[in-house]
Amino acid sequence: MNLQSVIASVSVMAIIMIIGFLLERKTKPAIEAKQIIIQILVTIAVPSVILNAIFQTEITEHVLSQMGLIFFILINY
């Protein structure tokens, strides 16, 4: 993964957070609405940014073994 794709991914997440902050200050949504928006972000936006970064990365044998190790650690955690 090159620096440009990392900066792009972080920038997208920062823009999402800034928009959410500004909307929350302006509209004061109900707690239920906040929970729905958070659920949407967690289940759609964050994985999309992660997948975008993965598809821009060249997958070598070393990267694949690291991904497998991380997956194994997460399952056993």
C-alpha atoms as a PDB file:
ATOM      1  CA  MET A   1       0.000   0.000   0.000  1.00  0.00           C
ATOM      2  CA  ASN A   2       1.491   3.288  -0.991  1.00  0.00           C
ATOM      3  CA  LEU A   3       1.279   6.523   0.940  1.00  0.00           C
ATOM      4  CA  GLN A   4      -1.211   8.064  -1.459  1.00  0.00           C
ATOM      5  CA  SER A   5      -3.828   5.348  -0.893  1.00  0.00           C
ATOM      6  CA  VAL A   6      -3.355   5.572   2.882  1.00  0.00           C
ATOM      7  CA  ILE A   7      -3.871   9.337   2.796  1.00  0.00           C
ATOM      8  CA  ALA A   8      -6.949   8.911   0.580  1.00  0.00           C
ATOM      9  CA  SER A   9      -8.483   6.340   2.941  1.00  0.00           C
ATOM     10  CA  VAL A  10      -7.815   8.448   6.027  1.00  0.00           C
ATOM     11  CA  SER A  11      -9.166  11.518   4.260  1.00  0.00           C
ATOM     12  CA  VAL A  12     -12.430   9.752   3.429  1.00  0.00           C
ATOM     13  CA  MET A  13     -12.851   8.705   7.054  1.00  0.00           C
ATOM     14  CA  ALA A  14     -12.054  12.249   8.237  1.00  0.00           C
ATOM     15  CA  ILE A  15     -14.631  13.736   5.849  1.00  0.00           C
ATOM     16  CA  ILE A  16     -17.258  11.280   7.106  1.00  0.00           C
ATOM     17  CA  MET A  17     -16.493  12.249  10.705  1.00  0.00           C
ATOM     18  CA  ILE A  18     -16.574  15.983   9.974  1.00  0.00           C
ATOM     19  CA  ILE A  19     -19.919  15.700   8.168  1.00  0.00           C
ATOM     20  CA  GLY A  20     -21.335  13.695  11.070  1.00  0.00           C
ATOM     21  CA  PHE A  21     -20.056  16.220  13.597  1.00  0.00           C
ATOM     22  CA  LEU A  22     -21.526  19.154  11.708  1.00  0.00           C
ATOM     23  CA  LEU A  23     -24.882  17.437  11.192  1.00  0.00           C
ATOM     24  CA  GLU A  24     -25.077  16.493  14.853  1.00  0.00           C
ATOM     25  CA  ARG A  25     -24.401  20.049  15.978  1.00  0.00           C
ATOM     26  CA  LYS A  26     -26.953  21.485  13.566  1.00  0.00           C
ATOM     27  CA  THR A  27     -29.851  19.026  13.835  1.00  0.00           C
ATOM     28  CA  LYS A  28     -29.558  17.312  17.258  1.00  0.00           C
ATOM     29  CA  PRO A  29     -30.918  13.945  16.061  1.00  0.00           C
ATOM     30  CA  ALA A  30     -32.703  11.533  18.379  1.00  0.00           C
ATOM     31  CA  ILE A  31     -30.742   8.753  20.032  1.00  0.00           C
ATOM     32  CA  GLU A  32     -32.387   6.158  17.785  1.00  0.00           C
ATOM     33  CA  ALA A  33     -31.334   8.059  14.669  1.00  0.00           C
ATOM     34  CA  LYS A  34     -27.763   8.279  15.955  1.00  0.00           C
ATOM     35  CA  GLN A  35     -27.689   4.536  16.551  1.00  0.00           C
ATOM     36  CA  ILE A  36     -28.962   3.824  13.029  1.00  0.00           C
ATOM     37  CA  ILE A  37     -26.377   6.139  11.460  1.00  0.00           C
ATOM     38  CA  ILE A  38     -23.577   4.576  13.509  1.00  0.00           C
ATOM     39  CA  GLN A  39     -24.747   1.101  12.497  1.00  0.00           C
ATOM     40  CA  ILE A  40     -24.738   2.097   8.824  1.00  0.00           C
ATOM     41  CA  LEU A  41     -21.250   3.551   9.087  1.00  0.00           C
ATOM     42  CA  VAL A  42     -19.876   0.526  10.909  1.00  0.00           C
ATOM     43  CA  THR A  43     -21.432  -2.031   8.566  1.00  0.00           C
ATOM     44  CA  ILE A  44     -21.039  -0.243   5.223  1.00  0.00           C
ATOM     45  CA  ALA A  45     -18.676   2.742   5.195  1.00  0.00           C
ATOM     46  CA  VAL A  46     -15.751   1.410   7.231  1.00  0.00           C
ATOM     47  CA  PRO A  47     -15.550  -1.966   5.438  1.00  0.00           C
ATOM     48  CA  SER A  48     -15.828  -0.158   2.101  1.00  0.00           C
ATOM     49  CA  VAL A  49     -12.842   2.034   2.910  1.00  0.00           C
ATOM     50  CA  ILE A  50     -10.870  -1.005   4.079  1.00  0.00           C
ATOM     51  CA  LEU A  51     -11.731  -3.001   0.936  1.00  0.00           C
ATOM     52  CA  ASN A  52     -10.811  -0.049  -1.246  1.00  0.00           C
ATOM     53  CA  ALA A  53      -7.384   0.072   0.391  1.00  0.00           C
ATOM     54  CA  ILE A  54      -6.947  -3.698   0.030  1.00  0.00           C
ATOM     55  CA  PHE A  55      -7.777  -3.685  -3.674  1.00  0.00           C
ATOM     56  CA  GLN A  56      -5.208  -0.955  -4.258  1.00  0.00           C
ATOM     57  CA  THR A  57      -2.516  -3.082  -2.611  1.00  0.00           C
ATOM     58  CA  GLU A  58      -0.452  -5.630  -4.467  1.00  0.00           C
ATOM     59  CA  ILE A  59      -1.032  -8.955  -2.729  1.00  0.00           C
ATOM     60  CA  THR A  60       2.205 -10.840  -2.399  1.00  0.00           C
ATOM     61  CA  GLU A  61       2.875 -14.079  -0.567  1.00  0.00           C
ATOM     62  CA  HIS A  62       4.224 -12.114   2.409  1.00  0.00           C
ATOM     63  CA  VAL A  63       1.127  -9.881   2.607  1.00  0.00           C
ATOM     64  CA  LEU A  64      -1.150 -12.907   2.304  1.00  0.00           C
ATOM     65  CA  SER A  65       0.643 -14.702   5.147  1.00  0.00           C
ATOM     66  CA  GLN A  66       0.359 -11.596   7.337  1.00  0.00           C
ATOM     67  CA  MET A  67      -3.369 -11.377   6.579  1.00  0.00           C
ATOM     68  CA  GLY A  68      -3.783 -15.026   7.537  1.00  0.00           C
ATOM     69  CA  LEU A  69      -1.899 -14.495  10.785  1.00  0.00           C
ATOM     70  CA  ILE A  70      -4.031 -11.469  11.681  1.00  0.00           C
ATOM     71  CA  PHE A  71      -7.202 -13.396  10.830  1.00  0.00           C
ATOM     72  CA  PHE A  72      -6.083 -16.324  13.021  1.00  0.00           C
ATOM     73  CA  ILE A  73      -5.269 -14.012  15.943  1.00  0.00           C
ATOM     74  CA  LEU A  74      -8.615 -12.237  15.665  1.00  0.00           C
ATOM     75  CA  ILE A  75     -10.582 -15.484  15.596  1.00  0.00           C
ATOM     76  CA  ASN A  76      -8.798 -16.781  18.684  1.00  0.00           C
ATOM     77  CA  TYR A  77      -9.069 -13.493  20.563  1.00  0.00           C
END
